[in-house]
Amino acid sequence: MCIWETRVRESRHLYRALDAWTVSESILAQLRDLGVDRIRYVVTDRDGESYEVPLSEFLERAEPLDQSGWAKRTEEQWALPRRFWQRWESTVRQLALF
C-alpha cells in the first residue's frame, strides 16, 4: 500500500465553509501517476491528529471549489468534507523542555 502523507495546519489548510480538506489538481494527477492508494494529512496544530482517505474515494466524492472572486490560485482545488476522512489521534506527544 502506498500512502501520500503531508503535514498541514488546520488553521490554514482546512476549507471551513465545507469543513473540508483540499487537494490541488496537479497533486491529484501526480498521485494517480504514482499509484498512490491513500492520502494522509497530519495536522500539526492539532498535536499530530491525522486524517486519511483512499485516493479512489477522494476522486469519487471530492467536489471542485468555486474560487472565482476570492482565490489567487490559478489551478483547480478539489475538496472532500472531513466526514469522509478517517480520523486518527496521535499517541506520540512532543516533549517540552520547560
C-alpha atoms as a PDB file:
ATOM      1  CA  MET A   1       0.000   0.000   0.000  1.00  0.00           C
ATOM      2  CA  CYS A   2       1.317   3.417  -0.960  1.00  0.00           C
ATOM      3  CA  ILE A   3       0.319   6.374   1.228  1.00  0.00           C
ATOM      4  CA  TRP A   4       0.964  10.025   0.408  1.00  0.00           C
ATOM      5  CA  GLU A   5       1.436  11.891   3.674  1.00  0.00           C
ATOM      6  CA  THR A   6       1.744  15.621   4.109  1.00  0.00           C
ATOM      7  CA  ARG A   7       1.780  17.932   7.088  1.00  0.00           C
ATOM      8  CA  VAL A   8      -0.834  20.680   7.182  1.00  0.00           C
ATOM      9  CA  ARG A   9      -2.144  23.294   9.584  1.00  0.00           C
ATOM     10  CA  GLU A  10      -5.875  23.231  10.193  1.00  0.00           C
ATOM     11  CA  SER A  11      -5.829  26.986  10.674  1.00  0.00           C
ATOM     12  CA  ARG A  12      -4.511  27.426   7.140  1.00  0.00           C
ATOM     13  CA  HIS A  13      -5.416  24.370   5.053  1.00  0.00           C
ATOM     14  CA  LEU A  14      -8.957  23.472   6.103  1.00  0.00           C
ATOM     15  CA  TYR A  15     -11.668  24.945   3.878  1.00  0.00           C
ATOM     16  CA  ARG A  16     -14.043  25.943   6.648  1.00  0.00           C
ATOM     17  CA  ALA A  17     -17.134  26.715   4.550  1.00  0.00           C
ATOM     18  CA  LEU A  18     -17.382  22.998   3.707  1.00  0.00           C
ATOM     19  CA  ASP A  19     -15.361  21.658   6.663  1.00  0.00           C
ATOM     20  CA  ALA A  20     -13.198  20.017   4.016  1.00  0.00           C
ATOM     21  CA  TRP A  21      -9.589  19.216   3.241  1.00  0.00           C
ATOM     22  CA  THR A  22      -8.485  20.176  -0.257  1.00  0.00           C
ATOM     23  CA  VAL A  23      -6.008  18.833  -2.800  1.00  0.00           C
ATOM     24  CA  SER A  24      -4.854  20.685  -5.910  1.00  0.00           C
ATOM     25  CA  GLU A  25      -5.419  19.263  -9.377  1.00  0.00           C
ATOM     26  CA  SER A  26      -1.674  18.920 -10.075  1.00  0.00           C
ATOM     27  CA  ILE A  27      -1.092  16.933  -6.867  1.00  0.00           C
ATOM     28  CA  LEU A  28      -4.024  14.619  -7.694  1.00  0.00           C
ATOM     29  CA  ALA A  29      -2.534  13.959 -11.131  1.00  0.00           C
ATOM     30  CA  GLN A  30       0.836  13.078  -9.574  1.00  0.00           C
ATOM     31  CA  LEU A  31      -0.793  10.782  -7.005  1.00  0.00           C
ATOM     32  CA  ARG A  32      -2.673   8.906  -9.751  1.00  0.00           C
ATOM     33  CA  ASP A  33       0.511   8.582 -11.839  1.00  0.00           C
ATOM     34  CA  LEU A  34       2.500   7.271  -8.854  1.00  0.00           C
ATOM     35  CA  GLY A  35      -0.128   4.677  -7.967  1.00  0.00           C
ATOM     36  CA  VAL A  36      -0.840   6.126  -4.518  1.00  0.00           C
ATOM     37  CA  ASP A  37      -3.587   4.276  -2.620  1.00  0.00           C
ATOM     38  CA  ARG A  38      -4.300   6.664   0.253  1.00  0.00           C
ATOM     39  CA  ILE A  39      -3.963  10.334   1.216  1.00  0.00           C
ATOM     40  CA  ARG A  40      -2.977  11.219   4.787  1.00  0.00           C
ATOM     41  CA  TYR A  41      -2.967  14.723   6.279  1.00  0.00           C
ATOM     42  CA  VAL A  42      -1.068  15.117   9.563  1.00  0.00           C
ATOM     43  CA  VAL A  43      -2.412  18.226  11.292  1.00  0.00           C
ATOM     44  CA  THR A  44       0.489  19.934  13.023  1.00  0.00           C
ATOM     45  CA  ASP A  45      -1.576  22.404  15.050  1.00  0.00           C
ATOM     46  CA  ARG A  46      -3.725  19.559  16.458  1.00  0.00           C
ATOM     47  CA  ASP A  47      -0.980  17.508  18.195  1.00  0.00           C
ATOM     48  CA  GLY A  48      -0.375  15.338  15.142  1.00  0.00           C
ATOM     49  CA  GLU A  49      -4.002  14.318  14.669  1.00  0.00           C
ATOM     50  CA  SER A  50      -4.332  12.878  11.184  1.00  0.00           C
ATOM     51  CA  TYR A  51      -6.973  12.315   8.542  1.00  0.00           C
ATOM     52  CA  GLU A  52      -6.803   9.592   5.927  1.00  0.00           C
ATOM     53  CA  VAL A  53      -8.882   8.622   2.902  1.00  0.00           C
ATOM     54  CA  PRO A  54      -8.437   6.209  -0.011  1.00  0.00           C
ATOM     55  CA  LEU A  55      -7.452   8.109  -3.144  1.00  0.00           C
ATOM     56  CA  SER A  56     -10.234   6.328  -5.036  1.00  0.00           C
ATOM     57  CA  GLU A  57     -12.827   7.660  -2.569  1.00  0.00           C
ATOM     58  CA  PHE A  58     -11.375  11.169  -2.754  1.00  0.00           C
ATOM     59  CA  LEU A  59     -11.589  11.099  -6.554  1.00  0.00           C
ATOM     60  CA  GLU A  60     -15.157   9.785  -6.425  1.00  0.00           C
ATOM     61  CA  ARG A  61     -16.579  12.170  -3.801  1.00  0.00           C
ATOM     62  CA  ALA A  62     -14.499  15.369  -3.955  1.00  0.00           C
ATOM     63  CA  GLU A  63     -16.031  18.494  -5.442  1.00  0.00           C
ATOM     64  CA  PRO A  64     -14.200  21.274  -7.288  1.00  0.00           C
ATOM     65  CA  LEU A  65     -14.064  24.526  -5.345  1.00  0.00           C
ATOM     66  CA  ASP A  66     -15.527  27.632  -6.894  1.00  0.00           C
ATOM     67  CA  GLN A  67     -12.621  30.010  -6.357  1.00  0.00           C
ATOM     68  CA  SER A  68     -13.910  32.832  -8.517  1.00  0.00           C
ATOM     69  CA  GLY A  69     -13.560  36.199  -6.927  1.00  0.00           C
ATOM     70  CA  TRP A  70     -11.521  35.219  -3.868  1.00  0.00           C
ATOM     71  CA  ALA A  71      -8.603  32.932  -4.684  1.00  0.00           C
ATOM     72  CA  LYS A  72      -5.265  33.913  -6.155  1.00  0.00           C
ATOM     73  CA  ARG A  73      -4.634  30.362  -7.286  1.00  0.00           C
ATOM     74  CA  THR A  74      -4.847  29.503 -10.927  1.00  0.00           C
ATOM     75  CA  GLU A  75      -5.162  25.740 -10.595  1.00  0.00           C
ATOM     76  CA  GLU A  76      -8.285  23.947  -9.500  1.00  0.00           C
ATOM     77  CA  GLN A  77      -8.685  22.716  -5.928  1.00  0.00           C
ATOM     78  CA  TRP A  78     -10.806  19.686  -5.021  1.00  0.00           C
ATOM     79  CA  ALA A  79     -12.464  19.469  -1.589  1.00  0.00           C
ATOM     80  CA  LEU A  80     -13.666  16.484   0.414  1.00  0.00           C
ATOM     81  CA  PRO A  81     -15.533  17.150   3.677  1.00  0.00           C
ATOM     82  CA  ARG A  82     -13.937  15.737   6.834  1.00  0.00           C
ATOM     83  CA  ARG A  83     -16.876  13.402   7.428  1.00  0.00           C
ATOM     84  CA  PHE A  84     -15.482  11.186   4.627  1.00  0.00           C
ATOM     85  CA  TRP A  85     -11.965  11.013   6.137  1.00  0.00           C
ATOM     86  CA  GLN A  86     -10.857   8.559   8.820  1.00  0.00           C
ATOM     87  CA  ARG A  87      -9.581  10.495  11.840  1.00  0.00           C
ATOM     88  CA  TRP A  88      -6.627   9.257  13.888  1.00  0.00           C
ATOM     89  CA  GLU A  89      -5.309  10.754  17.091  1.00  0.00           C
ATOM     90  CA  SER A  90      -1.589  10.684  17.644  1.00  0.00           C
ATOM     91  CA  THR A  91      -0.340   8.601  20.545  1.00  0.00           C
ATOM     92  CA  VAL A  92       3.033  10.346  20.421  1.00  0.00           C
ATOM     93  CA  ARG A  93       3.419  13.618  22.314  1.00  0.00           C
ATOM     94  CA  GLN A  94       6.158  16.164  21.803  1.00  0.00           C
ATOM     95  CA  LEU A  95       8.327  16.554  24.890  1.00  0.00           C
ATOM     96  CA  ALA A  96       8.618  20.045  26.335  1.00  0.00           C
ATOM     97  CA  LEU A  97      11.934  21.341  27.638  1.00  0.00           C
ATOM     98  CA  PHE A  98      10.416  23.811  30.076  1.00  0.00           C
END
